[in-house]
């Protein structure tokens, strides 16, 4: 299964969560607007190039500690693109151990359930 196919099979949550990330020489913060156990989409007018490695720091609501994750930019949606397409970049997590992956999936499922009930 390709990473794209695996990513599509992961439950996704469309919800804004603050995220900080760094690359060689830069520390940035924006909003993640889509998160799954396999990655996230960061809403930004200044996306990094595809292939860029990033270190991500994300505090999930209800978690007692922030998650430190490694990722790589897999797709870019530039500012000023097609109508109704949010500018930003898709990040695939590259080194998430299985317990943390399960925690991310549980978070996405729990928050989706909470949002569906409200």
N, C-alpha and C. Protein backbone atom coordinates (compact mmCIF):
# COMPACT_ATOMS: atom_id res chain seq x y z
N UNK A 1 0.84 -1.17 0.00
CA UNK A 1 0.00 0.00 0.00
C UNK A 1 0.89 1.24 0.00
N UNK A 2 0.60 2.19 -0.86
CA UNK A 2 1.39 3.42 -0.94
C UNK A 2 1.04 4.31 0.25
N UNK A 3 1.93 5.26 0.60
CA UNK A 3 1.61 6.19 1.69
C UNK A 3 0.32 6.97 1.44
N UNK A 4 0.05 7.33 0.16
CA UNK A 4 -1.18 8.06 -0.15
C UNK A 4 -2.40 7.21 0.13
N UNK A 5 -2.36 5.94 -0.24
CA UNK A 5 -3.49 5.05 0.02
C UNK A 5 -3.68 4.86 1.51
N UNK A 6 -2.58 4.69 2.24
CA UNK A 6 -2.65 4.51 3.68
C UNK A 6 -3.24 5.76 4.33
N UNK A 7 -2.80 6.94 3.87
CA UNK A 7 -3.27 8.19 4.43
C UNK A 7 -4.78 8.34 4.21
N UNK A 8 -5.26 7.97 3.03
CA UNK A 8 -6.68 8.10 2.74
C UNK A 8 -7.53 7.19 3.62
N UNK A 9 -6.96 6.08 4.05
CA UNK A 9 -7.70 5.14 4.89
C UNK A 9 -7.72 5.56 6.35
N UNK A 10 -6.90 6.52 6.74
CA UNK A 10 -6.86 7.01 8.11
C UNK A 10 -8.02 7.97 8.33
N UNK A 11 -8.65 7.84 9.51
CA UNK A 11 -9.71 8.78 9.85
C UNK A 11 -9.11 10.17 9.96
N UNK A 12 -9.78 11.15 9.38
CA UNK A 12 -9.30 12.53 9.42
C UNK A 12 -10.25 13.38 10.23
N UNK A 13 -9.68 14.42 10.81
CA UNK A 13 -10.47 15.36 11.58
C UNK A 13 -10.23 16.75 11.02
N UNK A 14 -11.29 17.42 10.61
CA UNK A 14 -11.19 18.79 10.12
C UNK A 14 -11.50 19.70 11.30
N UNK A 15 -10.44 20.16 11.96
CA UNK A 15 -10.56 20.95 13.18
C UNK A 15 -9.28 21.76 13.34
N UNK A 16 -9.36 23.01 13.77
CA UNK A 16 -8.16 23.83 13.92
C UNK A 16 -7.44 23.53 15.23
N UNK A 17 -6.15 23.25 15.12
CA UNK A 17 -5.31 22.97 16.28
C UNK A 17 -4.00 23.73 16.07
N UNK A 18 -3.56 24.51 17.07
CA UNK A 18 -2.28 25.22 16.91
C UNK A 18 -1.12 24.23 16.80
N UNK A 19 -0.18 24.56 15.94
CA UNK A 19 0.97 23.69 15.71
C UNK A 19 2.22 24.55 15.53
N UNK A 20 3.32 24.10 16.11
CA UNK A 20 4.62 24.74 15.89
C UNK A 20 5.48 23.74 15.14
N UNK A 21 6.34 24.24 14.27
CA UNK A 21 7.20 23.33 13.52
C UNK A 21 8.50 24.04 13.19
N UNK A 22 9.53 23.21 13.03
CA UNK A 22 10.82 23.81 12.69
C UNK A 22 11.51 23.01 11.61
N UNK A 23 12.32 23.74 10.89
CA UNK A 23 13.17 23.16 9.86
C UNK A 23 14.58 23.66 10.18
N UNK A 24 15.52 23.32 9.35
CA UNK A 24 16.86 23.85 9.54
C UNK A 24 16.79 25.37 9.40
N UNK A 25 17.06 26.08 10.47
CA UNK A 25 17.11 27.53 10.41
C UNK A 25 15.81 28.29 10.62
N UNK A 26 14.69 27.62 10.88
CA UNK A 26 13.43 28.35 11.05
C UNK A 26 12.55 27.66 12.09
N UNK A 27 11.85 28.47 12.89
CA UNK A 27 10.84 27.98 13.83
C UNK A 27 9.57 28.75 13.52
N UNK A 28 8.49 28.04 13.21
CA UNK A 28 7.26 28.66 12.74
C UNK A 28 6.07 28.14 13.53
N UNK A 29 4.98 28.89 13.50
CA UNK A 29 3.74 28.39 14.09
C UNK A 29 2.57 28.81 13.21
N UNK A 30 1.63 27.90 13.08
CA UNK A 30 0.44 28.11 12.27
C UNK A 30 -0.68 27.26 12.86
N UNK A 31 -1.68 26.97 12.05
CA UNK A 31 -2.80 26.14 12.47
C UNK A 31 -2.86 24.89 11.61
N UNK A 32 -2.99 23.75 12.27
CA UNK A 32 -3.29 22.50 11.56
C UNK A 32 -4.80 22.48 11.39
N UNK A 33 -5.26 22.25 10.18
CA UNK A 33 -6.71 22.26 9.93
C UNK A 33 -7.24 20.89 9.57
N UNK A 34 -6.39 19.91 9.52
CA UNK A 34 -6.79 18.55 9.15
C UNK A 34 -5.74 17.63 9.78
N UNK A 35 -6.18 16.69 10.61
CA UNK A 35 -5.22 15.81 11.27
C UNK A 35 -5.71 14.37 11.24
N UNK A 36 -4.78 13.45 11.07
CA UNK A 36 -5.07 12.02 11.11
C UNK A 36 -3.89 11.34 11.78
N UNK A 37 -3.97 10.04 11.94
CA UNK A 37 -2.84 9.33 12.56
C UNK A 37 -1.61 9.35 11.66
N UNK A 38 -1.79 9.63 10.38
CA UNK A 38 -0.67 9.60 9.45
C UNK A 38 -0.06 10.94 9.10
N UNK A 39 -0.73 12.04 9.50
CA UNK A 39 -0.19 13.34 9.16
C UNK A 39 -1.17 14.46 9.44
N UNK A 40 -0.85 15.64 8.91
CA UNK A 40 -1.72 16.79 9.11
C UNK A 40 -1.54 17.78 7.97
N UNK A 41 -2.48 18.71 7.88
CA UNK A 41 -2.39 19.79 6.90
C UNK A 41 -2.22 21.08 7.68
N UNK A 42 -1.18 21.84 7.36
CA UNK A 42 -0.92 23.12 8.02
C UNK A 42 -1.36 24.24 7.10
N UNK A 43 -2.27 25.07 7.60
CA UNK A 43 -2.77 26.22 6.85
C UNK A 43 -1.72 27.33 6.95
N UNK A 44 -1.08 27.65 5.83
CA UNK A 44 -0.06 28.69 5.80
C UNK A 44 0.03 29.31 4.41
N UNK A 45 0.31 30.59 4.37
CA UNK A 45 0.52 31.26 3.08
C UNK A 45 1.93 31.04 2.55
N UNK A 46 2.79 30.48 3.39
CA UNK A 46 4.19 30.27 3.01
C UNK A 46 4.59 28.81 3.20
N UNK A 47 4.03 27.91 2.39
CA UNK A 47 4.37 26.49 2.56
C UNK A 47 5.83 26.21 2.21
N UNK A 48 6.35 25.20 2.87
CA UNK A 48 7.72 24.75 2.60
C UNK A 48 7.71 23.88 1.35
N UNK A 49 8.84 23.72 0.70
CA UNK A 49 8.89 22.88 -0.50
C UNK A 49 8.61 21.40 -0.18
N UNK A 50 8.01 20.72 -1.14
CA UNK A 50 7.77 19.28 -1.01
C UNK A 50 9.11 18.59 -0.73
N UNK A 51 9.10 17.67 0.21
CA UNK A 51 10.30 16.94 0.59
C UNK A 51 11.02 17.50 1.80
N UNK A 52 10.64 18.70 2.24
CA UNK A 52 11.29 19.31 3.40
C UNK A 52 10.97 18.53 4.67
N UNK A 53 12.01 18.21 5.43
CA UNK A 53 11.82 17.54 6.73
C UNK A 53 11.47 18.59 7.78
N UNK A 54 10.52 18.26 8.66
CA UNK A 54 10.10 19.18 9.71
C UNK A 54 10.00 18.43 11.04
N UNK A 55 10.22 19.17 12.12
CA UNK A 55 9.97 18.70 13.48
C UNK A 55 8.71 19.41 13.94
N UNK A 56 7.72 18.66 14.38
CA UNK A 56 6.42 19.21 14.71
C UNK A 56 6.19 19.12 16.21
N UNK A 57 5.62 20.17 16.78
CA UNK A 57 5.21 20.20 18.17
C UNK A 57 3.73 20.54 18.18
N UNK A 58 2.92 19.62 18.67
CA UNK A 58 1.47 19.83 18.66
C UNK A 58 0.90 19.44 20.01
N UNK A 59 0.07 20.33 20.55
CA UNK A 59 -0.61 20.06 21.82
C UNK A 59 -2.05 19.71 21.50
N UNK A 60 -2.38 18.44 21.61
CA UNK A 60 -3.74 18.00 21.34
C UNK A 60 -4.63 18.35 22.52
N UNK A 61 -5.83 18.86 22.28
CA UNK A 61 -6.75 19.17 23.37
C UNK A 61 -6.97 17.94 24.26
N UNK A 62 -6.85 18.15 25.56
CA UNK A 62 -7.05 17.06 26.50
C UNK A 62 -5.80 16.25 26.80
N UNK A 63 -4.75 16.43 26.02
CA UNK A 63 -3.50 15.69 26.27
C UNK A 63 -2.71 16.41 27.35
N UNK A 64 -2.02 15.66 28.19
CA UNK A 64 -1.27 16.27 29.28
C UNK A 64 0.12 16.74 28.86
N UNK A 65 0.52 16.40 27.65
CA UNK A 65 1.84 16.80 27.18
C UNK A 65 1.79 17.00 25.67
N UNK A 66 2.68 17.85 25.13
CA UNK A 66 2.69 18.05 23.67
C UNK A 66 3.35 16.86 22.97
N UNK A 67 2.96 16.65 21.75
CA UNK A 67 3.56 15.60 20.92
C UNK A 67 4.69 16.21 20.11
N UNK A 68 5.82 15.53 20.09
CA UNK A 68 6.97 15.90 19.25
C UNK A 68 7.02 14.85 18.14
N UNK A 69 6.81 15.28 16.91
CA UNK A 69 6.73 14.35 15.79
C UNK A 69 7.65 14.80 14.66
N UNK A 70 8.18 13.84 13.93
CA UNK A 70 8.95 14.14 12.73
C UNK A 70 8.03 13.98 11.53
N UNK A 71 8.23 14.83 10.54
CA UNK A 71 7.41 14.73 9.34
C UNK A 71 8.15 15.23 8.12
N UNK A 72 7.46 15.12 7.00
CA UNK A 72 8.00 15.56 5.72
C UNK A 72 6.85 16.16 4.90
N UNK A 73 7.12 17.28 4.24
CA UNK A 73 6.11 17.92 3.39
C UNK A 73 5.87 17.01 2.19
N UNK A 74 4.60 16.63 1.98
CA UNK A 74 4.27 15.74 0.86
C UNK A 74 3.46 16.42 -0.23
N UNK A 75 2.81 17.53 0.10
CA UNK A 75 2.08 18.27 -0.93
C UNK A 75 1.96 19.72 -0.51
N UNK A 76 1.84 20.60 -1.49
CA UNK A 76 1.75 22.03 -1.25
C UNK A 76 0.56 22.59 -2.01
N UNK A 77 -0.17 23.47 -1.35
CA UNK A 77 -1.27 24.18 -1.96
C UNK A 77 -0.95 25.67 -1.80
N UNK A 78 -0.35 26.31 -2.83
CA UNK A 78 0.14 27.69 -2.68
C UNK A 78 -0.98 28.71 -2.50
N UNK A 79 -0.64 29.83 -1.85
CA UNK A 79 -1.57 30.94 -1.70
C UNK A 79 -1.90 31.49 -3.08
N UNK A 80 -3.17 31.85 -3.29
CA UNK A 80 -3.59 32.38 -4.58
C UNK A 80 -3.91 31.29 -5.58
N UNK A 81 -4.11 30.07 -5.10
CA UNK A 81 -4.42 28.95 -5.99
C UNK A 81 -5.90 28.94 -6.37
N UNK A 82 -6.37 27.83 -6.85
CA UNK A 82 -7.76 27.65 -7.26
C UNK A 82 -8.73 28.10 -6.17
N UNK A 83 -9.86 28.62 -6.58
CA UNK A 83 -10.90 29.08 -5.65
C UNK A 83 -11.27 27.95 -4.69
N UNK A 84 -11.45 28.30 -3.41
CA UNK A 84 -11.88 27.39 -2.35
C UNK A 84 -10.85 26.34 -1.96
N UNK A 85 -9.60 26.51 -2.34
CA UNK A 85 -8.55 25.60 -1.89
C UNK A 85 -7.71 26.35 -0.86
N UNK A 86 -7.64 25.80 0.34
CA UNK A 86 -6.91 26.44 1.44
C UNK A 86 -5.41 26.38 1.16
N UNK A 87 -4.69 27.51 1.30
CA UNK A 87 -3.25 27.46 1.11
C UNK A 87 -2.58 26.74 2.28
N UNK A 88 -1.53 26.01 1.98
CA UNK A 88 -0.81 25.32 3.05
C UNK A 88 -0.02 24.15 2.53
N UNK A 89 0.24 23.21 3.45
CA UNK A 89 1.06 22.05 3.09
C UNK A 89 0.62 20.82 3.86
N UNK A 90 0.65 19.70 3.18
CA UNK A 90 0.36 18.41 3.80
C UNK A 90 1.66 17.83 4.34
N UNK A 91 1.62 17.40 5.60
CA UNK A 91 2.78 16.81 6.25
C UNK A 91 2.47 15.35 6.58
N UNK A 92 3.35 14.46 6.18
CA UNK A 92 3.23 13.05 6.55
C UNK A 92 4.15 12.79 7.72
N UNK A 93 3.63 12.18 8.80
CA UNK A 93 4.49 11.81 9.92
C UNK A 93 5.43 10.71 9.45
N UNK A 94 6.71 10.84 9.80
CA UNK A 94 7.69 9.87 9.31
C UNK A 94 8.23 8.93 10.38
N UNK A 95 8.07 9.27 11.63
CA UNK A 95 8.61 8.38 12.67
C UNK A 95 7.72 8.40 13.90
N UNK A 96 6.54 7.85 13.75
CA UNK A 96 5.60 7.77 14.87
C UNK A 96 5.56 6.32 15.32
N UNK A 97 5.88 6.09 16.60
CA UNK A 97 5.81 4.72 17.08
C UNK A 97 4.35 4.28 17.21
N UNK A 98 4.13 3.00 17.28
CA UNK A 98 2.76 2.46 17.27
C UNK A 98 1.91 2.97 18.44
N UNK A 99 2.41 3.04 19.67
CA UNK A 99 1.58 3.58 20.75
C UNK A 99 1.13 5.02 20.49
N UNK A 100 2.03 5.86 20.00
CA UNK A 100 1.65 7.25 19.72
C UNK A 100 0.68 7.32 18.54
N UNK A 101 0.86 6.46 17.53
CA UNK A 101 -0.06 6.42 16.39
C UNK A 101 -1.47 6.06 16.87
N UNK A 102 -1.55 5.10 17.79
CA UNK A 102 -2.86 4.72 18.34
C UNK A 102 -3.47 5.86 19.14
N UNK A 103 -2.64 6.60 19.90
CA UNK A 103 -3.13 7.75 20.65
C UNK A 103 -3.68 8.82 19.71
N UNK A 104 -2.99 9.08 18.61
CA UNK A 104 -3.48 10.06 17.63
C UNK A 104 -4.81 9.61 17.04
N UNK A 105 -4.91 8.34 16.69
CA UNK A 105 -6.16 7.82 16.13
C UNK A 105 -7.29 7.92 17.15
N UNK A 106 -7.01 7.61 18.41
CA UNK A 106 -8.03 7.71 19.46
C UNK A 106 -8.46 9.16 19.64
N UNK A 107 -7.50 10.10 19.59
CA UNK A 107 -7.84 11.51 19.70
C UNK A 107 -8.76 11.95 18.58
N UNK A 108 -8.40 11.60 17.35
CA UNK A 108 -9.21 11.98 16.19
C UNK A 108 -10.62 11.41 16.33
N UNK A 109 -10.73 10.16 16.69
CA UNK A 109 -12.05 9.52 16.84
C UNK A 109 -12.85 10.16 17.96
N UNK A 110 -12.21 10.42 19.09
CA UNK A 110 -12.90 11.01 20.25
C UNK A 110 -13.41 12.41 19.92
N UNK A 111 -12.55 13.24 19.33
CA UNK A 111 -12.96 14.61 19.02
C UNK A 111 -14.03 14.62 17.93
N UNK A 112 -13.91 13.73 16.95
CA UNK A 112 -14.94 13.65 15.92
C UNK A 112 -16.29 13.31 16.56
N UNK A 113 -16.30 12.36 17.48
CA UNK A 113 -17.52 11.97 18.18
C UNK A 113 -18.08 13.15 18.97
N UNK A 114 -17.21 13.87 19.70
CA UNK A 114 -17.65 15.03 20.48
C UNK A 114 -18.23 16.11 19.58
N UNK A 115 -17.61 16.37 18.44
CA UNK A 115 -18.10 17.40 17.53
C UNK A 115 -19.42 16.98 16.88
N UNK A 116 -19.57 15.69 16.58
CA UNK A 116 -20.82 15.20 15.99
C UNK A 116 -21.99 15.36 16.95
N UNK A 117 -21.72 15.25 18.26
CA UNK A 117 -22.79 15.36 19.25
C UNK A 117 -23.18 16.80 19.52
N UNK A 118 -22.31 17.75 19.22
CA UNK A 118 -22.63 19.15 19.52
C UNK A 118 -23.37 19.83 18.39
